[in-house]
Amino acid sequence: MNRKGLALLSLMLATGLPISLSAEQNHVIVVSGLGGAQEYRDRFYEWSIRLVDAAIDRHGIPADQVVFLAEQPDRDPDRIRARSTWENIQTAITEVAEHAAFDDLVLIVLIGHGSFSGSVSHFNLPGPDPTVVDFAVALNELRDQQVVFVNTATASGEFIAGLSGPKRTIITATKTARERNETKFGEFFVEAFAGRVVPEFETPTATNSVNEIAIDDVADANKDGRVSLLEAFDYTRRQVARVYEESGLLLTEHAMLDDNGDGYGSDEPDPLTAGADGRIAQALFFTPSGRLTTAELETDDPTLMRLYAERNAIEKRVLAHRTLRDGMDSAIYEQELERLLIDLALKNREIRKAEDGAPQP
C-alpha cells in the first residue's frame, strides 16, 4: 500500500468513516485420525461429522471450503474427501493456501489419538505419523491467513510451542505431551460449534412419532448468535472439568490456548489484559464475517441495536487495520491491533450486561 492509501485508510479508521471491504471467508480442514479399536473409530467419526455438518449447515461455510479426511473414506464417501494420511493432509493445506485470500480464517481440527516418543509429539494417522515439526513446515504455506489449529488428541501440549506464531491461534487438549490418558476435549469442542442436541417434543404422524430436535447453542456465552474461538475454548474446558468431577476422577487433561505468539499457552485466557492470550481468539468466529447474528436480527431494543452497531464498527476497524500490516511498523501495528481487540472485548462485556437486563421476548 502506498503512502497516500495508507494515510487515507488511517484517517478512515480514526474518524469511523465507513470502509468497503470484502467479507473474510472461512476454510475448514477436519482430520479424523487412526482410531484403532472400533469404539474409537466410531467416536472420532461421529465427532468429526458433527463438526463438518455444522460448518456447512449451521454456519454457512461453502461445502467446497470444508475438507473432511478420515481413516475409512468408504464409510461416508459423500462427506469424506480422502483417507487421513499425512500426504493428503499436506495436499489439503496446499489447496487451501492456493485459494484462500489474505486474512481468511483457516481452521484445522485434529480428532484422534496422539503420542509422545520422548523427544517429539505425533498425531496418529494411517501410515506415517506426522510430528509437530512436520505440521510446522506445512503451516508455513498459510502465512497470509489467520490460522486456528486445534489438536484434540492425547499428548498434544507440545504443539503450542512448536506451532505458535503471528496470526496463529493454537489450541491443545493437554498441557504437556505427558498427559497421555484418553481426552474428552474433542467431544465438547465439537459441541461448542455444533450445539447440544435437545429433544423438545414429539410430533405424532399417521404412522409413527417423530422427535423434534432443538439445538442449544451452549457455548454462546454472550448469546449474540455466534460462537468465538475463545467462547468455544472456555466452554470446552469447563465441560471437561465437570465430567471428571462428576465421575470422581482426577483431571488428567488440561487444555491450553495460545494466540499471542509467545509459545506459551493459557488455561484461562483473558482478552481484557494487554498482551495476554485470548484477545485474538475472542475476535475469531466459526461463522464467516458479514453475517448478522441471531440477536441482531431479532432485537428491537434501541440500546442493544446501538451497541450491536458499535461492535460491528469495531470489528470493521479490526478488519481494516489488518490490511495495513505490510505497510506499517510492526510494533505500531501490533499496539493498535491490541487496542482495537481490547475495545472489542469491553464492548462485548457491555453488550452482555445490556442483554441480561433486556426484556425477554
Foldseek 3Di string as FASTA:
>chain_A
DDPVVVVVLVVCLVVLPDDDDDFAAEAEEEEEADQPDVVRLVVSVVLRVLLLCLLCPVQPHDNVRYAYADCDCVVPVVNHPYHRDPVVVLVNLLVCLVPGDFAHEYEYEYHHAKADPPPWIFGHHPDDTDTLLNVQVSCVSVPRYQYEYEYAYALCQQNLLSNFAASYKYKYFANHNPLHDGGPLSNQLSCLRSADKDFDDWDADPPGIDTDIDGHNVLPVLPQQFHFQLSSLVRSQVVRVVVCVVVVHDDSGQMFIDHLRPSHTDSNFDLLDQSTPDLVRRLHTSRTPPDGHPNCVPDPDPVLVVLVVVLVSLNVSLVSLSVCCVVDDNVVSSVVNSVSSNVNVVSSVVNSVVVVVDDDD
